[in-house]
Every structure is written in structure tokens, then in C-alpha cells.
N, C-alpha and C. Protein backbone atom coordinates (compact mmCIF):
# COMPACT_ATOMS: atom_id res chain seq x y z
N MET A 1 0.83 -1.35 -0.08
CA MET A 1 0.07 0.13 0.12
C MET A 1 1.09 1.17 0.00
N ALA A 2 0.65 2.34 -0.75
CA ALA A 2 1.29 3.35 -1.07
C ALA A 2 0.98 4.22 0.10
N ILE A 3 1.89 5.25 0.68
CA ILE A 3 1.62 6.32 1.54
C ILE A 3 1.75 7.81 0.81
N HIS A 4 0.53 8.56 0.84
CA HIS A 4 0.79 9.73 0.23
C HIS A 4 0.99 10.88 1.37
N LEU A 5 2.13 11.51 0.86
CA LEU A 5 2.61 12.69 1.52
C LEU A 5 2.32 14.03 0.97
N GLN A 6 1.88 15.00 1.80
CA GLN A 6 1.61 16.36 1.20
C GLN A 6 2.28 17.26 1.83
N MET A 7 3.13 18.00 1.32
CA MET A 7 3.95 19.09 2.10
C MET A 7 3.91 20.33 1.48
N GLU A 8 4.11 21.51 2.33
CA GLU A 8 4.13 22.81 1.70
C GLU A 8 5.34 23.48 2.69
N TYR A 9 6.07 24.59 1.58
CA TYR A 9 7.01 25.40 2.21
C TYR A 9 6.73 26.56 1.88
N SER A 10 6.61 27.73 2.78
CA SER A 10 6.22 29.08 2.60
C SER A 10 7.39 30.03 3.28
N LYS A 11 7.59 31.29 2.73
CA LYS A 11 8.35 32.24 3.29
C LYS A 11 7.85 33.49 2.97
N LYS A 12 7.80 34.22 3.90
CA LYS A 12 7.49 35.72 3.66
C LYS A 12 8.66 36.80 4.07
N ILE A 13 8.68 37.68 3.17
CA ILE A 13 10.00 38.59 3.84
C ILE A 13 9.30 40.28 3.69
N GLY A 14 9.83 41.11 4.46
CA GLY A 14 9.45 42.44 4.59
C GLY A 14 10.10 43.04 3.30
N LEU A 15 9.17 44.22 3.03
CA LEU A 15 9.90 45.07 1.83
C LEU A 15 9.83 46.56 2.44
N PRO A 16 10.27 47.48 1.59
CA PRO A 16 10.20 48.86 2.04
C PRO A 16 8.72 49.19 2.08
N GLU A 17 8.40 50.55 2.71
CA GLU A 17 6.95 50.88 2.80
C GLU A 17 6.17 50.17 3.72
N TYR A 18 6.91 49.21 4.60
CA TYR A 18 5.81 48.33 5.35
C TYR A 18 4.95 47.25 4.49
N SER A 19 5.59 46.92 3.43
CA SER A 19 4.88 45.96 2.75
C SER A 19 5.70 44.54 2.63
N SER A 20 5.22 43.30 2.27
CA SER A 20 5.80 42.17 2.16
C SER A 20 5.37 41.39 1.02
N HIS A 21 6.01 40.44 0.73
CA HIS A 21 5.50 39.32 -0.15
C HIS A 21 6.03 38.20 0.38
N GLY A 22 5.34 37.07 -0.18
CA GLY A 22 5.48 35.73 0.27
C GLY A 22 5.50 34.81 -0.87
N PHE A 23 5.98 33.67 -0.77
CA PHE A 23 5.78 32.69 -1.82
C PHE A 23 5.85 31.27 -1.04
N SER A 24 4.84 30.46 -1.69
CA SER A 24 4.98 29.09 -0.95
C SER A 24 4.74 28.21 -2.46
N VAL A 25 5.08 27.02 -1.99
CA VAL A 25 5.08 25.78 -2.92
C VAL A 25 4.63 24.76 -2.26
N SER A 26 3.81 23.83 -2.74
CA SER A 26 3.39 22.62 -2.15
C SER A 26 3.62 21.50 -3.07
N LEU A 27 3.68 20.17 -2.48
CA LEU A 27 4.10 19.08 -3.34
C LEU A 27 3.43 17.78 -2.61
N LYS A 28 2.98 17.08 -3.70
CA LYS A 28 2.34 15.66 -3.14
C LYS A 28 3.54 14.44 -3.57
N ALA A 29 3.62 13.56 -2.60
CA ALA A 29 4.78 12.53 -2.92
C ALA A 29 4.10 11.29 -2.78
N GLU A 30 4.45 10.23 -2.90
CA GLU A 30 4.20 8.87 -2.62
C GLU A 30 5.46 7.86 -2.28
N VAL A 31 5.37 7.37 -1.16
CA VAL A 31 6.24 6.49 -0.61
C VAL A 31 5.84 5.14 -0.42
N ALA A 32 6.83 4.04 -0.49
CA ALA A 32 6.26 2.91 -0.58
C ALA A 32 5.93 2.11 1.03
N SER A 33 6.48 2.85 1.89
CA SER A 33 6.43 2.21 3.27
C SER A 33 6.80 3.26 4.26
N ALA A 34 6.32 3.12 5.72
CA ALA A 34 6.60 4.09 6.61
C ALA A 34 7.87 4.15 6.66
N GLU A 35 8.83 3.32 6.76
CA GLU A 35 10.20 3.43 7.21
C GLU A 35 10.81 4.46 6.03
N ASP A 36 10.23 4.77 4.82
CA ASP A 36 10.70 5.63 3.66
C ASP A 36 10.31 7.27 3.91
N ILE A 37 9.40 7.59 4.88
CA ILE A 37 8.90 8.61 5.37
C ILE A 37 9.94 9.84 5.54
N PRO A 38 10.80 9.51 6.82
CA PRO A 38 11.72 10.41 7.14
C PRO A 38 12.60 10.78 6.27
N GLY A 39 13.46 9.99 5.20
CA GLY A 39 14.25 10.40 4.35
C GLY A 39 13.68 11.33 3.15
N GLU A 40 12.26 10.72 2.99
CA GLU A 40 11.72 11.47 1.82
C GLU A 40 11.02 12.87 2.22
N VAL A 41 10.81 12.89 3.22
CA VAL A 41 10.45 14.42 4.10
C VAL A 41 11.78 15.32 3.83
N GLU A 42 12.79 14.91 4.45
CA GLU A 42 13.82 15.56 4.39
C GLU A 42 14.32 15.97 3.10
N ARG A 43 14.45 15.12 2.02
CA ARG A 43 14.86 15.29 0.78
C ARG A 43 13.73 16.47 0.04
N ILE A 44 12.40 16.27 0.30
CA ILE A 44 11.42 17.29 -0.27
C ILE A 44 11.54 18.43 0.29
N TYR A 45 11.87 18.47 1.68
CA TYR A 45 11.83 19.72 2.63
C TYR A 45 12.92 20.54 2.07
N GLN A 46 14.22 20.14 1.62
CA GLN A 46 15.51 20.80 1.13
C GLN A 46 15.08 21.30 -0.19
N THR A 47 14.36 20.27 -1.09
CA THR A 47 13.85 20.69 -2.53
C THR A 47 13.09 22.03 -2.43
N LEU A 48 11.99 21.81 -1.62
CA LEU A 48 10.89 22.93 -1.38
C LEU A 48 11.83 24.23 -0.94
N GLN A 49 12.56 24.19 -0.01
CA GLN A 49 13.09 25.45 0.60
C GLN A 49 13.99 26.00 -0.47
N GLN A 50 14.84 25.20 -1.17
CA GLN A 50 15.74 25.88 -2.19
C GLN A 50 14.93 26.44 -3.24
N SER A 51 14.02 25.68 -3.72
CA SER A 51 13.03 26.40 -4.61
C SER A 51 12.27 27.80 -4.32
N VAL A 52 11.81 27.76 -3.11
CA VAL A 52 11.12 29.15 -2.79
C VAL A 52 12.31 29.94 -2.84
N ASP A 53 13.39 29.84 -1.70
CA ASP A 53 14.50 30.81 -1.88
C ASP A 53 15.08 31.34 -3.22
N GLN A 54 15.11 30.69 -4.23
CA GLN A 54 15.56 30.83 -5.38
C GLN A 54 14.45 31.99 -6.14
N GLN A 55 13.39 31.62 -6.03
CA GLN A 55 12.03 32.66 -6.41
C GLN A 55 11.89 33.80 -5.62
N ILE A 56 11.89 33.77 -4.18
CA ILE A 56 11.34 34.82 -3.49
C ILE A 56 12.29 36.26 -3.46
N ILE A 57 13.52 35.84 -4.20
CA ILE A 57 14.60 37.20 -4.20
C ILE A 57 14.09 38.16 -5.14
N HIS A 58 13.16 37.86 -5.96
CA HIS A 58 12.53 38.52 -7.18
C HIS A 58 11.12 39.13 -6.51
N PRO A 59 11.19 40.54 -5.95
CA PRO A 59 10.29 40.98 -5.28
C PRO A 59 9.17 41.38 -5.96
N GLY A 60 9.39 41.62 -7.33
CA GLY A 60 8.30 42.38 -8.28
C GLY A 60 8.23 43.65 -8.00
N TYR A 61 7.10 43.99 -8.05
CA TYR A 61 6.41 45.44 -7.64
C TYR A 61 6.94 45.70 -6.27
N VAL A 62 7.46 46.88 -6.06
CA VAL A 62 7.64 47.20 -4.63
C VAL A 62 7.07 48.75 -4.36
N PRO A 63 6.13 48.71 -3.52
CA PRO A 63 5.34 50.25 -3.30
C PRO A 63 6.46 51.30 -3.04
N GLY A 64 6.32 52.51 -3.75
CA GLY A 64 7.26 53.52 -3.68
C GLY A 64 8.60 53.67 -4.55
N GLN A 65 8.55 52.78 -5.18
CA GLN A 65 9.59 52.56 -6.26
C GLN A 65 9.20 53.08 -7.61
N GLU A 66 8.04 53.54 -7.93
CA GLU A 66 7.71 54.40 -8.91
C GLU A 66 7.81 55.68 -8.74
N ALA A 67 8.08 56.18 -7.68
CA ALA A 67 8.19 57.52 -7.55
C ALA A 67 9.54 57.80 -6.73
N ALA A 68 10.03 58.94 -6.42
CA ALA A 68 11.31 59.14 -5.37
C ALA A 68 11.20 58.56 -4.34
N PRO A 69 12.29 57.91 -4.01
CA PRO A 69 12.32 56.96 -2.71
C PRO A 69 11.72 57.77 -1.52
N LYS A 70 11.02 57.17 -0.59
CA LYS A 70 10.53 57.95 0.51
C LYS A 70 11.49 57.68 1.66
N VAL A 71 11.73 58.50 2.56
CA VAL A 71 12.76 58.49 3.48
C VAL A 71 11.99 57.91 4.75
N HIS A 72 12.71 56.66 5.27
CA HIS A 72 11.98 56.21 6.38
C HIS A 72 12.32 56.96 7.64
N VAL A 73 11.70 57.14 8.67
CA VAL A 73 11.81 57.69 9.88
C VAL A 73 12.08 57.26 11.02
N LEU A 74 12.18 56.07 11.08
CA LEU A 74 12.06 55.04 12.16
C LEU A 74 10.90 55.83 13.13
N PRO A 75 9.72 55.38 12.81
CA PRO A 75 8.82 56.15 13.84
C PRO A 75 8.83 55.91 14.83
N SER A 76 8.66 57.04 15.90
CA SER A 76 8.38 57.24 17.36
C SER A 76 7.27 56.87 17.91
N GLN A 77 6.13 57.69 17.36
CA GLN A 77 5.00 57.51 17.61
C GLN A 77 4.07 56.88 16.71
N GLU A 78 4.28 56.72 15.50
CA GLU A 78 3.21 56.36 14.58
C GLU A 78 3.00 55.00 15.02
N LYS A 79 3.78 54.09 15.28
CA LYS A 79 3.69 52.64 15.42
C LYS A 79 4.13 52.30 16.77
N ALA A 80 3.65 51.20 17.38
CA ALA A 80 3.96 50.69 18.62
C ALA A 80 5.41 49.75 18.24
N TRP A 81 6.43 50.06 19.10
CA TRP A 81 7.47 49.24 19.17
C TRP A 81 7.56 48.15 19.66
N LYS A 82 8.08 47.26 19.25
CA LYS A 82 7.97 45.92 20.14
C LYS A 82 9.24 45.70 21.25
N CYS A 83 10.15 46.33 21.05
CA CYS A 83 11.34 46.26 21.89
C CYS A 83 10.75 47.21 23.25
N SER A 84 11.85 47.29 24.25
CA SER A 84 11.43 47.99 25.54
C SER A 84 11.42 49.50 25.17
N PRO A 85 10.79 50.28 26.09
CA PRO A 85 10.79 51.88 25.72
C PRO A 85 12.47 52.40 25.91
N LYS A 86 13.23 51.74 26.63
CA LYS A 86 14.55 52.42 26.78
C LYS A 86 15.34 51.93 25.70
N GLN A 87 15.08 50.65 25.16
CA GLN A 87 15.78 50.10 23.75
C GLN A 87 15.50 51.27 22.58
N LYS A 88 14.11 51.62 22.45
CA LYS A 88 13.53 52.36 21.48
C LYS A 88 14.44 53.94 21.58
N GLU A 89 14.31 54.22 22.89
CA GLU A 89 14.96 55.51 22.97
C GLU A 89 16.43 55.73 22.87
N LEU A 90 17.16 54.49 23.16
CA LEU A 90 18.84 54.44 22.81
C LEU A 90 18.79 54.37 21.19
N ILE A 91 17.93 53.42 20.82
CA ILE A 91 18.14 53.59 19.01
C ILE A 91 17.95 54.69 18.33
N LEU A 92 16.79 55.40 18.79
CA LEU A 92 16.72 56.97 18.50
C LEU A 92 17.82 57.83 18.64
N LYS A 93 18.28 57.60 19.69
CA LYS A 93 19.46 58.48 20.35
C LYS A 93 20.65 58.29 19.36
N LEU A 94 21.14 57.06 19.33
CA LEU A 94 22.23 56.60 18.52
C LEU A 94 22.06 57.23 16.92
N VAL A 95 20.87 56.91 16.31
CA VAL A 95 20.45 57.47 15.37
C VAL A 95 20.91 58.80 15.03
N ASN A 96 20.29 59.76 15.91
CA ASN A 96 20.27 61.14 16.03
C ASN A 96 21.63 61.61 16.06
N GLU A 97 22.45 61.10 17.26
CA GLU A 97 23.58 61.57 17.39
C GLU A 97 24.85 61.39 16.60
N GLN A 98 24.68 60.16 15.95
CA GLN A 98 25.81 59.82 14.76
C GLN A 98 25.28 60.23 13.42
N GLY A 99 24.04 60.77 13.23
CA GLY A 99 23.64 61.24 12.03
C GLY A 99 23.32 60.06 11.12
N LEU A 100 23.04 58.67 11.52
CA LEU A 100 23.12 57.77 10.70
C LEU A 100 21.77 58.00 9.74
N ASP A 101 21.96 57.36 8.43
CA ASP A 101 21.00 57.30 7.60
C ASP A 101 19.80 56.35 7.97
N ARG A 102 18.67 56.80 8.22
CA ARG A 102 17.64 56.05 9.01
C ARG A 102 17.50 54.77 7.88
N ASN A 103 17.34 54.92 6.82
CA ASN A 103 16.89 54.18 5.90
C ASN A 103 17.80 52.86 5.83
N GLU A 104 19.03 53.21 6.08
CA GLU A 104 20.09 52.11 6.32
C GLU A 104 20.02 51.38 7.50
N VAL A 105 19.56 52.18 8.75
CA VAL A 105 19.42 51.56 9.92
C VAL A 105 18.15 50.45 9.81
N ASP A 106 17.15 50.84 9.14
CA ASP A 106 15.91 50.04 9.03
C ASP A 106 16.39 48.86 8.00
N ASP A 107 17.13 49.22 6.91
CA ASP A 107 17.49 48.06 5.87
C ASP A 107 18.24 47.04 6.89
N GLN A 108 19.46 47.37 7.58
CA GLN A 108 20.17 46.57 8.41
C GLN A 108 19.33 45.63 9.31
N ALA A 109 18.11 46.23 9.82
CA ALA A 109 17.17 45.61 10.63
C ALA A 109 16.66 44.45 9.87
N GLN A 110 16.20 44.79 8.63
CA GLN A 110 15.42 43.89 7.75
C GLN A 110 16.59 42.82 7.17
N ARG A 111 17.71 43.02 6.82
CA ARG A 111 18.71 42.05 6.48
C ARG A 111 19.09 41.19 7.82
N ARG A 112 19.19 41.85 8.85
CA ARG A 112 19.84 40.87 10.02
C ARG A 112 18.50 39.99 10.58
N PHE A 113 17.14 40.54 10.83
CA PHE A 113 16.18 40.07 11.44
C PHE A 113 14.83 39.86 10.77
N GLY A 114 14.74 40.13 9.30
CA GLY A 114 13.87 40.06 8.44
C GLY A 114 12.48 40.95 8.76
N LYS A 115 12.85 42.15 9.58
CA LYS A 115 11.69 43.09 9.98
C LYS A 115 12.27 44.64 10.23
N GLY A 116 11.30 45.43 10.24
CA GLY A 116 11.94 46.71 10.54
C GLY A 116 12.46 46.93 11.95
N VAL A 117 12.96 48.16 12.09
CA VAL A 117 13.22 48.71 13.46
C VAL A 117 12.32 48.41 14.42
N THR A 118 11.04 49.08 14.15
CA THR A 118 9.91 49.27 15.18
C THR A 118 9.43 47.93 15.41
N GLN A 119 9.62 46.78 14.68
CA GLN A 119 9.13 45.24 14.83
C GLN A 119 10.10 44.38 15.78
N LEU A 120 11.30 44.83 16.00
CA LEU A 120 12.33 43.88 16.62
C LEU A 120 11.87 43.80 18.02
N ASN A 121 12.36 42.42 18.51
CA ASN A 121 11.87 42.30 19.94
C ASN A 121 13.06 42.65 20.79
N LYS A 122 12.98 42.51 22.06
CA LYS A 122 14.12 42.81 22.82
C LYS A 122 15.44 42.41 22.45
N LEU A 123 15.58 41.12 22.16
CA LEU A 123 16.90 40.70 21.87
C LEU A 123 17.14 40.92 20.83
N GLU A 124 16.23 41.23 19.65
CA GLU A 124 16.88 41.41 18.35
C GLU A 124 17.32 43.17 18.43
N ALA A 125 16.63 44.03 19.24
CA ALA A 125 16.88 45.23 19.25
C ALA A 125 18.14 45.30 19.87
N SER A 126 18.63 44.53 20.84
CA SER A 126 19.63 44.60 21.54
C SER A 126 20.96 44.39 20.51
N GLY A 127 20.60 43.35 19.59
CA GLY A 127 21.93 43.04 18.59
C GLY A 127 21.74 44.32 17.75
N LEU A 128 20.97 45.10 17.22
CA LEU A 128 21.04 46.16 16.57
C LEU A 128 21.49 47.22 17.23
N ILE A 129 21.38 47.58 18.55
CA ILE A 129 22.23 48.41 19.28
C ILE A 129 23.65 48.20 19.34
N ASP A 130 23.99 46.94 19.77
CA ASP A 130 25.29 46.67 19.57
C ASP A 130 26.05 47.01 18.27
N SER A 131 25.18 47.12 17.19
CA SER A 131 26.04 47.33 15.96
C SER A 131 25.89 48.82 15.62
N LEU A 132 25.14 49.56 16.55
CA LEU A 132 25.05 50.95 16.27
C LEU A 132 25.92 51.78 17.10
N MET A 133 26.78 51.08 18.30
CA MET A 133 27.43 51.68 19.03
C MET A 133 28.58 52.38 18.37
N PRO A 134 28.95 53.60 18.92
CA PRO A 134 30.19 54.09 18.22
C PRO A 134 31.37 53.26 18.11
N GLY A 135 32.04 53.37 17.02
CA GLY A 135 33.11 52.63 16.57
C GLY A 135 33.06 51.19 16.02
N GLN A 136 31.67 50.80 16.37
CA GLN A 136 31.46 49.36 15.51
C GLN A 136 31.24 49.33 14.26
N LYS A 137 31.55 48.44 13.60
CA LYS A 137 31.44 48.42 12.03
C LYS A 137 29.88 47.83 12.06
N ARG A 138 29.15 48.44 11.10
CA ARG A 138 27.67 48.18 10.99
C ARG A 138 27.59 46.69 10.80
N GLY A 139 26.62 45.96 11.54
CA GLY A 139 26.11 44.66 11.30
C GLY A 139 27.24 43.75 12.00
N LYS A 140 28.00 44.25 12.74
CA LYS A 140 29.04 43.20 13.41
C LYS A 140 29.07 43.65 14.86
N PRO A 141 28.93 42.49 15.61
CA PRO A 141 28.92 42.52 17.02
C PRO A 141 30.13 43.34 17.56
N ARG A 142 29.88 43.86 18.90
CA ARG A 142 30.99 44.63 19.58
C ARG A 142 32.06 43.31 20.03
N ARG A 143 33.27 43.56 20.05
CA ARG A 143 34.27 42.49 20.50
C ARG A 143 34.43 42.91 21.98
N ALA A 144 34.68 41.79 22.74
CA ALA A 144 34.78 41.99 24.31
C ALA A 144 36.37 42.48 24.31
N ALA A 145 36.44 43.35 25.37
CA ALA A 145 37.78 44.05 25.51
C ALA A 145 38.71 43.23 26.05
């Protein structure tokens, strides 16, 4: 008796202007016995993941690209921040004191954590703060002295 497997892999990524796009693919497969399930699931998962990753890099239409790029302002009041109030205050202070490009800081958060600055949790915000501290290479954690 054949065993039918149905699997799906999905990924969603954030884009500028608080938009996102996602891609998913599903597959049905058949195995001859229950012993074949773990190996087949692992093989198919890797195939699905690679396929989605190869396709999701093409975002297609991105809001705001048809006009001059809009400057992100790391909103302080507009949206509720997920990190602690002290972390929010420190991020805004570092950005302002160092004259950092707010778009680049938000892009750094997107690259590292898959979400904008206001959506970072406490642990993620801590990592971002470390990389923003004076004398640090952007995107690299501080070294212990």
C-alpha cells in the first residue's frame, strides 16, 4: 500500500514601505512504506526550501519605487515598538547623535532580522544597538575588551 505525503514550504519577507511578499510551494509525493517517510520528507523539504529561496529574491512590484524613494523615519509615535521603551529611546538617540541614515538602519534590521526597526523584539533590538554603538562596524557585534 502506498503512503501519500503532502508538504508545503512558505516564506514571507518584509519590503520597504511596510509591505511584504511571500511565496509558497506545495508538493504531493508517494512512498512505498512508513520507513521511507523520514528520508523522503527531508529530501522534499530541502528541495522546497531551495525552490522558494531561489524565487523569493525577485520581489516584483515594490510600493514607492515608481516615485522618488520615501525616507523612512524610524517612527517613534506612529507605530508601537516591540522592544522596550529604553531600547527604543537608545536606538533613536544613536541614530540622531551619529547622524545615521535612517533608511540604512531600517535596512540593516531587515537584513539581520527580517523586519523593520519598530518590529524588533528585545533580543533583536539589543543586537541592533550593539551594531550601532560608536566605533562598531555596521552589522558586526562588539568585541569583548
